[in-house]
N, C-alpha and C. Protein backbone atom coordinates (compact mmCIF):
# COMPACT_ATOMS: atom_id res chain seq x y z
N UNK A 1 21.36 87.63 10.70
CA UNK A 1 20.74 86.63 11.54
C UNK A 1 21.26 85.24 11.16
N UNK A 2 21.48 84.45 12.16
CA UNK A 2 22.03 83.12 11.93
C UNK A 2 20.94 82.18 11.42
N UNK A 3 21.29 81.32 10.42
CA UNK A 3 20.29 80.41 9.86
C UNK A 3 19.91 79.28 10.80
N UNK A 4 20.82 78.94 11.75
CA UNK A 4 20.55 77.90 12.74
C UNK A 4 20.82 78.43 14.13
N UNK A 5 20.07 77.92 15.10
CA UNK A 5 20.25 78.31 16.49
C UNK A 5 20.47 77.07 17.34
N UNK A 6 21.37 77.17 18.30
CA UNK A 6 21.59 76.08 19.24
C UNK A 6 20.50 76.17 20.30
N UNK A 7 19.78 75.07 20.50
CA UNK A 7 18.69 75.08 21.48
C UNK A 7 18.98 74.24 22.71
N UNK A 8 20.08 73.46 22.69
CA UNK A 8 20.39 72.65 23.86
C UNK A 8 21.44 71.61 23.56
N UNK A 9 21.49 70.60 24.46
CA UNK A 9 22.41 69.49 24.26
C UNK A 9 21.78 68.21 24.79
N UNK A 10 22.16 67.11 24.19
CA UNK A 10 21.62 65.81 24.59
C UNK A 10 22.28 65.39 25.91
N UNK A 11 21.42 64.99 26.85
CA UNK A 11 21.93 64.52 28.14
C UNK A 11 22.10 63.01 28.17
N UNK A 12 21.02 62.28 27.87
CA UNK A 12 21.08 60.82 27.99
C UNK A 12 19.86 60.19 27.32
N UNK A 13 19.89 58.86 27.15
CA UNK A 13 18.70 58.17 26.63
C UNK A 13 17.61 58.13 27.69
N UNK A 14 16.38 57.95 27.23
CA UNK A 14 15.25 57.75 28.14
C UNK A 14 14.44 56.56 27.64
N UNK A 15 14.35 55.56 28.44
CA UNK A 15 13.56 54.39 28.07
C UNK A 15 14.29 53.48 27.09
N UNK A 16 13.50 52.58 26.47
CA UNK A 16 14.10 51.54 25.62
C UNK A 16 13.88 51.77 24.13
N UNK A 17 13.21 52.87 23.75
CA UNK A 17 12.89 53.08 22.34
C UNK A 17 13.77 54.11 21.64
N UNK A 18 14.85 54.55 22.31
CA UNK A 18 15.78 55.48 21.66
C UNK A 18 15.44 56.95 21.85
N UNK A 19 14.56 57.26 22.80
CA UNK A 19 14.22 58.66 23.09
C UNK A 19 15.43 59.32 23.74
N UNK A 20 15.71 60.58 23.36
CA UNK A 20 16.82 61.32 23.97
C UNK A 20 16.27 62.43 24.86
N UNK A 21 16.95 62.64 25.98
CA UNK A 21 16.64 63.74 26.88
C UNK A 21 17.54 64.91 26.50
N UNK A 22 16.92 66.05 26.19
CA UNK A 22 17.66 67.23 25.75
C UNK A 22 17.48 68.34 26.77
N UNK A 23 18.59 68.85 27.27
CA UNK A 23 18.57 70.04 28.13
C UNK A 23 18.43 71.23 27.19
N UNK A 24 17.36 71.99 27.32
CA UNK A 24 17.14 73.12 26.41
C UNK A 24 17.64 74.42 27.02
N UNK A 25 17.95 75.36 26.16
CA UNK A 25 18.38 76.69 26.58
C UNK A 25 17.24 77.68 26.46
N UNK A 26 16.03 77.19 26.43
CA UNK A 26 14.84 78.02 26.27
C UNK A 26 14.15 78.20 27.61
N UNK A 27 13.56 79.37 27.82
CA UNK A 27 12.78 79.57 29.03
C UNK A 27 11.38 78.96 28.89
N UNK A 28 11.05 78.52 27.68
CA UNK A 28 9.74 77.92 27.42
C UNK A 28 9.92 76.70 26.52
N UNK A 29 10.28 75.57 27.11
CA UNK A 29 10.56 74.36 26.35
C UNK A 29 9.34 73.88 25.57
N UNK A 30 8.15 74.12 26.08
CA UNK A 30 6.93 73.66 25.39
C UNK A 30 6.81 74.25 23.99
N UNK A 31 7.39 75.43 23.74
CA UNK A 31 7.27 76.01 22.39
C UNK A 31 8.12 75.26 21.37
N UNK A 32 8.93 74.30 21.83
CA UNK A 32 9.75 73.51 20.93
C UNK A 32 9.06 72.21 20.49
N UNK A 33 7.88 71.96 21.02
CA UNK A 33 7.20 70.70 20.72
C UNK A 33 6.79 70.55 19.26
N UNK A 34 6.66 71.63 18.54
CA UNK A 34 6.24 71.58 17.14
C UNK A 34 7.38 71.26 16.17
N UNK A 35 8.60 71.18 16.67
CA UNK A 35 9.76 70.99 15.79
C UNK A 35 9.65 69.70 14.99
N UNK A 36 10.00 69.79 13.72
CA UNK A 36 9.93 68.62 12.85
C UNK A 36 11.32 68.05 12.55
N UNK A 37 12.35 68.88 12.70
CA UNK A 37 13.72 68.46 12.40
C UNK A 37 14.68 69.04 13.42
N UNK A 38 15.72 68.26 13.74
CA UNK A 38 16.79 68.72 14.63
C UNK A 38 18.13 68.33 14.00
N UNK A 39 19.14 69.10 14.29
CA UNK A 39 20.50 68.74 13.94
C UNK A 39 21.21 68.43 15.25
N UNK A 40 21.70 67.21 15.38
CA UNK A 40 22.37 66.76 16.60
C UNK A 40 23.79 66.37 16.24
N UNK A 41 24.74 67.13 16.79
CA UNK A 41 26.14 66.84 16.49
C UNK A 41 26.46 66.87 15.02
N UNK A 42 25.77 67.71 14.26
CA UNK A 42 26.01 67.86 12.83
C UNK A 42 25.17 66.95 11.95
N UNK A 43 24.51 65.95 12.52
CA UNK A 43 23.65 65.04 11.74
C UNK A 43 22.19 65.50 11.84
N UNK A 44 21.47 65.39 10.73
CA UNK A 44 20.07 65.83 10.69
C UNK A 44 19.13 64.66 11.00
N UNK A 45 18.12 64.96 11.82
CA UNK A 45 17.13 63.96 12.22
C UNK A 45 15.73 64.53 12.09
N UNK A 46 14.80 63.67 11.68
CA UNK A 46 13.38 64.03 11.70
C UNK A 46 12.86 63.67 13.09
N UNK A 47 12.06 64.56 13.68
CA UNK A 47 11.49 64.31 15.01
C UNK A 47 10.19 63.54 14.82
N UNK A 48 10.12 62.33 15.36
CA UNK A 48 8.91 61.53 15.26
C UNK A 48 7.87 61.96 16.29
N UNK A 49 8.31 62.27 17.49
CA UNK A 49 7.43 62.85 18.51
C UNK A 49 8.29 63.45 19.60
N UNK A 50 7.65 64.33 20.39
CA UNK A 50 8.39 65.02 21.45
C UNK A 50 7.45 65.36 22.59
N UNK A 51 8.05 65.49 23.78
CA UNK A 51 7.30 65.95 24.95
C UNK A 51 8.24 66.84 25.76
N UNK A 52 7.65 67.67 26.60
CA UNK A 52 8.45 68.61 27.41
C UNK A 52 8.12 68.42 28.87
N UNK A 53 9.15 68.51 29.70
CA UNK A 53 9.01 68.50 31.16
C UNK A 53 10.00 69.51 31.71
N UNK A 54 9.51 70.64 32.17
CA UNK A 54 10.39 71.69 32.69
C UNK A 54 11.34 72.17 31.61
N UNK A 55 12.64 72.14 31.90
CA UNK A 55 13.66 72.60 30.96
C UNK A 55 14.12 71.50 30.02
N UNK A 56 13.43 70.36 30.02
CA UNK A 56 13.87 69.22 29.22
C UNK A 56 12.89 68.90 28.11
N UNK A 57 13.45 68.57 26.96
CA UNK A 57 12.68 68.11 25.81
C UNK A 57 13.05 66.65 25.61
N UNK A 58 12.06 65.79 25.48
CA UNK A 58 12.28 64.38 25.19
C UNK A 58 11.86 64.17 23.76
N UNK A 59 12.80 63.70 22.93
CA UNK A 59 12.51 63.57 21.50
C UNK A 59 12.85 62.18 21.00
N UNK A 60 11.92 61.64 20.21
CA UNK A 60 12.16 60.38 19.50
C UNK A 60 12.56 60.79 18.09
N UNK A 61 13.80 60.47 17.73
CA UNK A 61 14.35 60.86 16.44
C UNK A 61 14.33 59.66 15.49
N UNK A 62 13.99 59.92 14.24
CA UNK A 62 13.96 58.85 13.24
C UNK A 62 15.35 58.24 13.12
N UNK A 63 15.40 56.90 13.16
CA UNK A 63 16.68 56.20 13.04
C UNK A 63 17.40 55.98 14.35
N UNK A 64 16.91 56.59 15.41
CA UNK A 64 17.48 56.38 16.75
C UNK A 64 16.45 55.52 17.48
N UNK A 65 16.68 54.21 17.46
CA UNK A 65 15.64 53.29 17.90
C UNK A 65 15.95 52.49 19.15
N UNK A 66 17.17 52.62 19.67
CA UNK A 66 17.55 51.86 20.86
C UNK A 66 18.26 52.79 21.84
N UNK A 67 18.34 52.38 23.10
CA UNK A 67 19.11 53.18 24.06
C UNK A 67 20.57 53.34 23.63
N UNK A 68 21.10 52.34 22.96
CA UNK A 68 22.48 52.41 22.49
C UNK A 68 22.64 53.47 21.40
N UNK A 69 21.66 53.55 20.50
CA UNK A 69 21.67 54.60 19.46
C UNK A 69 21.62 55.98 20.12
N UNK A 70 20.74 56.11 21.10
CA UNK A 70 20.58 57.40 21.80
C UNK A 70 21.83 57.76 22.59
N UNK A 71 22.48 56.77 23.17
CA UNK A 71 23.70 57.01 23.96
C UNK A 71 24.80 57.63 23.10
N UNK A 72 24.85 57.29 21.83
CA UNK A 72 25.86 57.84 20.92
C UNK A 72 25.70 59.35 20.74
N UNK A 73 24.52 59.87 21.07
CA UNK A 73 24.26 61.31 20.91
C UNK A 73 24.53 62.10 22.18
N UNK A 74 24.83 61.43 23.26
CA UNK A 74 25.06 62.08 24.56
C UNK A 74 26.11 63.19 24.43
N UNK A 75 25.78 64.36 25.00
CA UNK A 75 26.71 65.49 25.02
C UNK A 75 26.75 66.31 23.74
N UNK A 76 26.06 65.88 22.71
CA UNK A 76 26.09 66.59 21.44
C UNK A 76 25.16 67.80 21.45
N UNK A 77 25.58 68.83 20.74
CA UNK A 77 24.82 70.07 20.61
C UNK A 77 23.59 69.83 19.72
N UNK A 78 22.47 70.44 20.10
CA UNK A 78 21.23 70.32 19.34
C UNK A 78 20.91 71.68 18.73
N UNK A 79 20.75 71.69 17.40
CA UNK A 79 20.47 72.94 16.68
C UNK A 79 19.19 72.78 15.86
N UNK A 80 18.58 73.91 15.56
CA UNK A 80 17.40 73.91 14.69
C UNK A 80 17.52 75.04 13.68
N UNK A 81 16.82 74.88 12.59
CA UNK A 81 16.75 75.94 11.58
C UNK A 81 15.91 77.08 12.14
N UNK A 82 16.36 78.30 11.93
CA UNK A 82 15.62 79.48 12.39
C UNK A 82 14.18 79.45 11.88
N UNK A 83 13.99 78.93 10.67
CA UNK A 83 12.65 78.91 10.07
C UNK A 83 11.67 78.08 10.88
N UNK A 84 12.16 77.19 11.74
CA UNK A 84 11.27 76.37 12.57
C UNK A 84 10.84 77.07 13.86
N UNK A 85 11.47 78.19 14.17
CA UNK A 85 11.13 78.91 15.40
C UNK A 85 10.17 80.05 15.13
N UNK A 86 9.26 80.29 16.06
CA UNK A 86 8.42 81.47 15.92
C UNK A 86 9.27 82.71 16.17
N UNK A 87 8.92 83.84 15.56
CA UNK A 87 9.69 85.05 15.86
C UNK A 87 9.51 85.42 17.33
N UNK A 88 10.55 85.98 17.94
CA UNK A 88 10.40 86.38 19.35
C UNK A 88 9.42 87.54 19.46
N UNK A 89 8.79 87.72 20.61
CA UNK A 89 7.86 88.85 20.79
C UNK A 89 8.58 90.18 20.59
N UNK A 90 7.83 91.23 20.29
CA UNK A 90 8.40 92.56 20.10
C UNK A 90 9.28 92.93 21.28
N UNK A 91 10.44 93.48 20.98
CA UNK A 91 11.36 93.92 22.03
C UNK A 91 12.18 92.80 22.64
N UNK A 92 12.00 91.57 22.18
CA UNK A 92 12.76 90.42 22.68
C UNK A 92 13.62 89.88 21.54
N UNK A 93 14.68 89.15 21.89
CA UNK A 93 15.61 88.65 20.90
C UNK A 93 16.07 87.27 21.30
N UNK A 94 16.42 86.48 20.30
CA UNK A 94 17.11 85.24 20.60
C UNK A 94 18.54 85.62 20.97
N UNK A 95 19.06 85.04 22.02
CA UNK A 95 20.41 85.36 22.48
C UNK A 95 21.42 85.20 21.36
N UNK A 96 21.27 84.16 20.56
CA UNK A 96 22.21 83.92 19.46
C UNK A 96 22.30 85.10 18.51
N UNK A 97 21.22 85.88 18.41
CA UNK A 97 21.19 87.01 17.48
C UNK A 97 21.92 88.24 18.00
N UNK A 98 22.21 88.29 19.29
CA UNK A 98 22.91 89.46 19.81
C UNK A 98 24.33 89.14 20.28
N UNK A 99 24.67 87.86 20.40
CA UNK A 99 26.05 87.51 20.76
C UNK A 99 26.97 88.03 19.68
N UNK A 100 28.06 88.66 20.08
CA UNK A 100 29.01 89.23 19.13
C UNK A 100 28.68 90.66 18.74
N UNK A 101 27.55 91.18 19.23
CA UNK A 101 27.16 92.56 18.90
C UNK A 101 28.14 93.56 19.50
N UNK A 102 28.35 94.66 18.80
CA UNK A 102 29.17 95.74 19.35
C UNK A 102 28.40 96.40 20.48
N UNK A 103 29.07 96.65 21.60
CA UNK A 103 28.46 97.32 22.73
C UNK A 103 29.01 98.74 22.75
N UNK A 104 28.08 99.71 22.72
CA UNK A 104 28.44 101.12 22.60
C UNK A 104 27.91 101.88 23.81
N UNK A 105 28.80 102.63 24.47
CA UNK A 105 28.42 103.44 25.62
C UNK A 105 28.57 104.91 25.22
N UNK A 106 27.45 105.62 25.22
CA UNK A 106 27.45 107.04 24.83
C UNK A 106 28.24 107.30 23.56
N UNK A 107 28.01 106.46 22.53
CA UNK A 107 28.63 106.66 21.22
C UNK A 107 29.99 106.01 21.04
N UNK A 108 30.59 105.46 22.09
CA UNK A 108 31.92 104.86 21.98
C UNK A 108 31.84 103.34 22.14
N UNK A 109 32.40 102.61 21.17
CA UNK A 109 32.41 101.14 21.24
C UNK A 109 33.39 100.70 22.33
N UNK A 110 32.89 99.86 23.25
CA UNK A 110 33.77 99.38 24.33
C UNK A 110 34.16 97.91 24.16
N UNK A 111 33.42 97.16 23.35
CA UNK A 111 33.72 95.75 23.16
C UNK A 111 32.56 95.04 22.49
N UNK A 112 32.54 93.70 22.63
CA UNK A 112 31.47 92.93 22.01
C UNK A 112 30.82 92.01 23.04
N UNK A 113 29.53 91.78 22.85
CA UNK A 113 28.77 90.93 23.77
C UNK A 113 29.28 89.49 23.64
N UNK A 114 29.82 88.96 24.73
CA UNK A 114 30.42 87.62 24.72
C UNK A 114 29.49 86.56 25.31
N UNK A 115 28.60 86.97 26.23
CA UNK A 115 27.75 85.99 26.89
C UNK A 115 26.55 86.68 27.51
N UNK A 116 25.49 85.92 27.69
CA UNK A 116 24.31 86.39 28.41
C UNK A 116 24.03 85.37 29.50
N UNK A 117 24.14 85.81 30.74
CA UNK A 117 23.87 84.94 31.89
C UNK A 117 22.43 85.18 32.30
N UNK A 118 21.66 84.12 32.40
CA UNK A 118 20.24 84.27 32.72
C UNK A 118 19.98 83.94 34.17
N UNK A 119 19.52 84.96 34.88
CA UNK A 119 19.14 84.82 36.28
C UNK A 119 17.67 85.16 36.40
N UNK A 120 17.07 84.86 37.52
CA UNK A 120 15.65 85.08 37.71
C UNK A 120 15.23 86.53 37.57
N UNK A 121 15.97 87.44 38.17
CA UNK A 121 15.54 88.84 38.20
C UNK A 121 15.90 89.60 36.93
N UNK A 122 17.05 89.34 36.35
CA UNK A 122 17.47 90.04 35.13
C UNK A 122 18.61 89.28 34.48
N UNK A 123 18.68 89.35 33.16
CA UNK A 123 19.84 88.80 32.46
C UNK A 123 21.05 89.68 32.78
N UNK A 124 22.21 89.09 32.70
CA UNK A 124 23.46 89.83 32.87
C UNK A 124 24.25 89.69 31.58
N UNK A 125 24.62 90.82 30.99
CA UNK A 125 25.40 90.83 29.77
C UNK A 125 26.88 90.87 30.13
N UNK A 126 27.68 90.05 29.46
CA UNK A 126 29.12 90.01 29.65
C UNK A 126 29.75 90.52 28.36
N UNK A 127 30.56 91.57 28.48
CA UNK A 127 31.18 92.20 27.32
C UNK A 127 32.68 91.95 27.36
N UNK A 128 33.21 91.44 26.24
CA UNK A 128 34.65 91.24 26.11
C UNK A 128 35.27 92.57 25.72
N UNK A 129 36.21 93.03 26.55
CA UNK A 129 36.92 94.28 26.31
C UNK A 129 38.27 93.98 25.68
N UNK A 130 39.04 95.02 25.34
CA UNK A 130 40.39 94.81 24.82
C UNK A 130 41.20 94.01 25.84
N UNK A 131 41.00 94.30 27.11
CA UNK A 131 41.63 93.54 28.19
C UNK A 131 40.58 93.24 29.24
N UNK A 132 40.31 91.97 29.47
CA UNK A 132 39.31 91.58 30.47
C UNK A 132 37.90 91.66 29.95
N UNK A 133 36.97 91.82 30.89
CA UNK A 133 35.56 91.89 30.53
C UNK A 133 34.82 92.74 31.55
N UNK A 134 33.59 93.08 31.20
CA UNK A 134 32.73 93.82 32.10
C UNK A 134 31.34 93.20 32.03
N UNK A 135 30.67 93.15 33.17
CA UNK A 135 29.31 92.60 33.25
C UNK A 135 28.38 93.67 33.77
N UNK A 136 27.12 93.62 33.32
CA UNK A 136 26.11 94.57 33.80
C UNK A 136 24.74 93.97 33.60
N UNK A 137 23.77 94.39 34.41
CA UNK A 137 22.42 93.85 34.26
C UNK A 137 21.75 94.44 33.01
N UNK A 138 21.00 93.61 32.32
CA UNK A 138 20.29 94.04 31.11
C UNK A 138 18.95 94.66 31.51
N UNK A 139 19.02 95.85 32.09
CA UNK A 139 17.84 96.57 32.54
C UNK A 139 17.53 97.71 31.58
N UNK A 140 16.25 98.11 31.50
CA UNK A 140 15.85 99.22 30.63
C UNK A 140 16.63 100.49 30.93
N UNK A 141 16.99 100.69 32.19
CA UNK A 141 17.71 101.90 32.58
C UNK A 141 19.13 101.91 32.03
N UNK A 142 19.69 100.74 31.75
CA UNK A 142 21.06 100.63 31.28
C UNK A 142 21.10 100.50 29.75
N UNK A 143 20.28 99.61 29.22
CA UNK A 143 20.26 99.32 27.79
C UNK A 143 19.29 100.25 27.09
N UNK A 144 19.82 101.19 26.32
CA UNK A 144 18.97 102.13 25.58
C UNK A 144 18.32 101.47 24.38
N UNK A 145 19.12 100.67 23.64
CA UNK A 145 18.62 100.09 22.39
C UNK A 145 19.39 98.83 22.06
N UNK A 146 18.67 97.84 21.56
CA UNK A 146 19.29 96.64 20.99
C UNK A 146 18.89 96.59 19.53
N UNK A 147 19.88 96.72 18.67
CA UNK A 147 19.67 96.65 17.22
C UNK A 147 20.26 95.32 16.76
N UNK A 148 19.48 94.25 16.89
CA UNK A 148 19.97 92.91 16.57
C UNK A 148 20.31 92.80 15.09
N UNK A 149 19.55 93.47 14.26
CA UNK A 149 19.76 93.40 12.82
C UNK A 149 21.16 93.90 12.43
N UNK A 150 21.61 94.97 13.06
CA UNK A 150 22.92 95.55 12.75
C UNK A 150 23.99 95.19 13.76
N UNK A 151 23.65 94.41 14.77
CA UNK A 151 24.63 93.95 15.74
C UNK A 151 25.19 95.04 16.64
N UNK A 152 24.29 95.88 17.17
CA UNK A 152 24.73 96.97 18.04
C UNK A 152 23.83 97.04 19.28
N UNK A 153 24.47 97.18 20.44
CA UNK A 153 23.75 97.40 21.69
C UNK A 153 24.23 98.74 22.24
N UNK A 154 23.29 99.67 22.44
CA UNK A 154 23.64 101.00 22.93
C UNK A 154 23.23 101.14 24.40
N UNK A 155 24.19 101.64 25.21
CA UNK A 155 23.97 101.75 26.65
C UNK A 155 23.97 103.20 27.10
N UNK A 156 23.28 103.45 28.20
CA UNK A 156 23.32 104.75 28.87
C UNK A 156 24.59 104.78 29.72
N UNK A 157 25.48 105.71 29.43
CA UNK A 157 26.78 105.77 30.09
C UNK A 157 26.70 105.93 31.60
N UNK A 158 25.83 106.79 32.05
CA UNK A 158 25.70 107.05 33.49
C UNK A 158 25.23 105.80 34.22
N UNK A 159 24.21 105.16 33.71
CA UNK A 159 23.69 103.95 34.37
C UNK A 159 24.66 102.77 34.21
N UNK A 160 25.34 102.72 33.09
CA UNK A 160 26.33 101.66 32.88
C UNK A 160 27.42 101.76 33.94
N UNK A 161 27.95 102.93 34.16
CA UNK A 161 29.03 103.11 35.14
C UNK A 161 28.56 102.78 36.56
N UNK A 162 27.29 102.99 36.84
CA UNK A 162 26.76 102.68 38.18
C UNK A 162 26.58 101.19 38.41
N UNK A 163 26.40 100.42 37.33
CA UNK A 163 26.08 99.00 37.48
C UNK A 163 27.17 98.05 37.01
N UNK A 164 28.16 98.56 36.29
CA UNK A 164 29.18 97.70 35.68
C UNK A 164 30.11 97.08 36.71
N UNK A 165 30.46 95.81 36.46
CA UNK A 165 31.43 95.08 37.27
C UNK A 165 32.54 94.64 36.33
N UNK A 166 33.75 95.18 36.53
CA UNK A 166 34.88 94.87 35.68
C UNK A 166 35.62 93.65 36.18
N UNK A 167 36.03 92.80 35.25
CA UNK A 167 36.78 91.56 35.55
C UNK A 167 38.10 91.64 34.81
N UNK A 168 39.19 91.32 35.50
CA UNK A 168 40.53 91.39 34.87
C UNK A 168 40.73 90.31 33.85
């Protein structure tokens, strides 16, 4: 498991006190309100206060006191220590914990998980193959098991073949 997780990126300053607007990669931005520390572009900051609106987190960071200070953080990746996050519910995983996992179809490794595309109805897993890639919906009928600890995703071969979309 990774010690830090990327939770978003800084978009722009908000207001005159150095607050930054952060686009989060979480489906529940409000659960990030308790954060005490953030790493932005490799620099560590203490969070003085935060608020959430939809997919956006607004954070006042210690030492970032003007719009000009906040502007310097624009576009930078925002990371947090895993220890600051609550564990995901049973049967759920942080995407960062399964990226790079070996994808196995009926006992045979076909590639590694390269991306997770999040859509309303179902996530779509993108697997990097020896040549090209393949995408499939992350449905119970397709995904037999996700072993995040050991980095393995096991698929049902029959359902995988019915749903897979190959990309050159």
